[in-house]
Protein backbone atom coordinates (compact mmCIF):
# COMPACT_ATOMS: atom_id res chain seq x y z
CA UNK A 1 2.43 24.60 7.71
CA UNK A 2 1.45 21.98 10.22
CA UNK A 3 3.72 19.48 11.89
CA UNK A 4 4.05 16.01 10.35
CA UNK A 5 2.55 13.68 12.97
CA UNK A 6 1.13 10.77 10.98
CA UNK A 7 2.61 9.19 7.83
CA UNK A 8 0.87 6.63 5.63
CA UNK A 9 3.06 4.29 3.58
CA UNK A 10 1.26 2.21 0.94
CA UNK A 11 3.23 -0.91 -0.08
CA UNK A 12 2.90 -3.44 -2.87
CA UNK A 13 5.70 -5.77 -1.70
CA UNK A 14 8.06 -4.59 -4.43
CA UNK A 15 11.67 -3.55 -3.86
CA UNK A 16 10.64 0.02 -4.65
CA UNK A 17 8.00 0.05 -1.92
CA UNK A 18 10.56 -1.48 0.52
CA UNK A 19 12.95 1.40 -0.25
CA UNK A 20 10.08 3.93 0.13
CA UNK A 21 9.24 2.35 3.51
CA UNK A 22 12.84 2.70 4.66
CA UNK A 23 12.82 6.34 3.61
CA UNK A 24 9.50 6.90 5.37
CA UNK A 25 10.96 5.39 8.54
CA UNK A 26 13.84 7.94 8.32
CA UNK A 27 11.34 10.81 7.89
CA UNK A 28 9.12 9.51 10.72
CA UNK A 29 12.13 9.43 13.06
CA UNK A 30 13.17 12.90 12.06
CA UNK A 31 9.74 14.35 12.82
CA UNK A 32 8.85 11.98 15.66
CA UNK A 33 5.81 10.91 13.64
CA UNK A 34 3.74 7.74 13.68
CA UNK A 35 4.23 5.48 10.65
CA UNK A 36 1.33 3.34 9.42
CA UNK A 37 1.67 0.88 6.57
CA UNK A 38 -1.12 0.05 4.13
CA UNK A 39 -1.45 -2.70 1.58
CA UNK A 40 -4.37 -2.64 -0.87
CA UNK A 41 -5.23 -5.97 -2.42
CA UNK A 42 -7.55 -6.46 -5.36
CA UNK A 43 -10.38 -8.93 -5.12
CA UNK A 44 -10.37 -11.37 -7.98
CA UNK A 45 -11.81 -9.83 -11.09
CA UNK A 46 -12.71 -13.25 -12.44
CA UNK A 47 -14.54 -14.87 -9.57
CA UNK A 48 -17.17 -13.56 -7.22
CA UNK A 49 -17.29 -13.86 -3.46
CA UNK A 50 -19.85 -16.63 -3.81
CA UNK A 51 -17.11 -18.98 -5.02
CA UNK A 52 -16.13 -21.40 -2.31
CA UNK A 53 -12.67 -22.76 -1.68
CA UNK A 54 -12.39 -26.12 0.00
CA UNK A 55 -9.46 -26.74 2.27
CA UNK A 56 -8.65 -29.47 4.77
CA UNK A 57 -8.35 -27.14 7.77
CA UNK A 58 -11.50 -25.14 7.22
CA UNK A 59 -14.43 -26.69 5.36
CA UNK A 60 -15.61 -23.54 3.50
CA UNK A 61 -13.89 -20.28 2.83
CA UNK A 62 -14.84 -17.69 0.26
CA UNK A 63 -12.25 -16.75 -2.32
CA UNK A 64 -12.15 -13.23 -0.88
CA UNK A 65 -11.28 -14.60 2.57
CA UNK A 66 -8.46 -16.73 1.15
CA UNK A 67 -7.09 -13.78 -0.84
CA UNK A 68 -7.31 -11.46 2.16
CA UNK A 69 -5.56 -13.99 4.42
CA UNK A 70 -2.79 -14.41 1.87
CA UNK A 71 -2.34 -10.64 1.57
CA UNK A 72 -2.24 -10.34 5.37
CA UNK A 73 0.47 -13.02 5.57
CA UNK A 74 2.51 -11.26 2.83
CA UNK A 75 2.22 -7.95 4.63
CA UNK A 76 3.38 -9.44 7.92
CA UNK A 77 6.42 -11.02 6.25
CA UNK A 78 7.18 -7.79 4.36
CA UNK A 79 7.12 -5.77 7.57
CA UNK A 80 9.30 -8.08 9.68
CA UNK A 81 11.88 -5.98 11.48
CA UNK A 82 10.39 -2.70 10.30
CA UNK A 83 9.10 -0.51 13.17
CA UNK A 84 5.60 0.84 12.43
CA UNK A 85 2.58 1.99 14.43
CA UNK A 86 -0.20 0.21 12.53
CA UNK A 87 -0.53 -2.23 9.66
CA UNK A 88 -3.62 -1.73 7.51
CA UNK A 89 -5.07 -4.09 4.90
CA UNK A 90 -7.81 -2.95 2.55
CA UNK A 91 -9.24 -4.19 -0.75
CA UNK A 92 -10.22 -2.31 -3.83
CA UNK A 93 -8.70 -0.07 -6.47
CA UNK A 94 -5.38 0.94 -4.94
CA UNK A 95 -5.24 4.70 -5.74
CA UNK A 96 -8.82 5.33 -4.57
CA UNK A 97 -8.36 3.28 -1.38
CA UNK A 98 -5.05 4.96 -0.54
CA UNK A 99 -6.58 8.44 -0.95
CA UNK A 100 -9.62 7.45 1.09
CA UNK A 101 -7.54 5.99 3.94
CA UNK A 102 -5.28 9.06 3.93
CA UNK A 103 -8.28 11.34 4.27
CA UNK A 104 -10.30 9.33 6.79
CA UNK A 105 -7.18 8.60 8.86
CA UNK A 106 -6.14 12.23 9.08
CA UNK A 107 -2.67 11.59 7.71
CA UNK A 108 -0.27 14.50 7.24
CA UNK A 109 1.81 12.82 4.55
CA UNK A 110 1.77 9.83 2.23
CA UNK A 111 5.12 8.36 1.23
CA UNK A 112 5.04 5.76 -1.51
CA UNK A 113 7.22 4.14 -4.10
CA UNK A 114 6.79 4.69 -7.79
CA UNK A 115 8.16 2.34 -10.42
CA UNK A 116 8.86 5.20 -12.81
CA UNK A 117 7.39 3.43 -15.84
CA UNK A 118 7.34 5.36 -19.08
CA UNK A 119 6.03 4.85 -22.58
CA UNK A 120 3.65 2.01 -23.36
CA UNK A 121 3.96 0.30 -19.95
CA UNK A 122 2.87 3.57 -18.27
CA UNK A 123 -0.06 3.95 -20.69
CA UNK A 124 -1.13 0.33 -20.23
CA UNK A 125 -0.67 0.03 -16.47
CA UNK A 126 -1.10 3.65 -15.41
CA UNK A 127 0.50 4.91 -12.28
CA UNK A 128 -1.00 4.35 -8.86
CA UNK A 129 1.36 6.96 -7.43
CA UNK A 130 0.33 9.52 -10.04
CA UNK A 131 -3.34 8.95 -9.24
CA UNK A 132 -2.71 9.23 -5.48
CA UNK A 133 -0.87 12.51 -6.00
CA UNK A 134 -4.00 13.86 -7.73
CA UNK A 135 -6.55 12.43 -5.30
CA UNK A 136 -4.97 12.49 -1.83
CA UNK A 137 -6.12 15.17 0.64
CA UNK A 138 -2.54 15.63 1.93
CA UNK A 139 0.93 15.95 0.44
CA UNK A 140 2.35 12.85 -1.28
CA UNK A 141 6.06 12.17 -1.45
CA UNK A 142 7.03 9.64 -4.10
CA UNK A 143 10.19 7.65 -3.88
CA UNK A 144 11.65 6.27 -7.09
CA UNK A 145 14.48 3.85 -7.32
CA UNK A 146 16.75 4.18 -10.38
CA UNK A 147 16.03 1.89 -13.30
CA UNK A 148 18.30 -1.12 -13.62
CA UNK A 149 20.10 -1.20 -16.95
């Protein structure tokens, strides 16, 4: 078994991912590992990159640029006060991108939140965490917060 040196934490800005990030920080401190945070945003499924957004500050921006900038702002706010080595922002299908980044980045561990959906909501929405567990080239630790009743 190799030493845990690099941890990747995918976040979706939910309370569950915030708790997973806090747990990952605890693990990173314990193993003196680097902690990198990844957010995967989805390009609009309804509009192509050729769509132009007009704003007062910048005459022409593509929709993808606007969405990426918004995701970048959200990530920065989400990570305020949380020590981390690197903040990564990628677009695409979350599970595939997370597995790809984990492999290409040489991460030893992925720690991510799972919403613990069951029944119809699980069937309809699927589970990003479940897919990452199957696809990632390294161990994946999932952190689940108890359901609120």
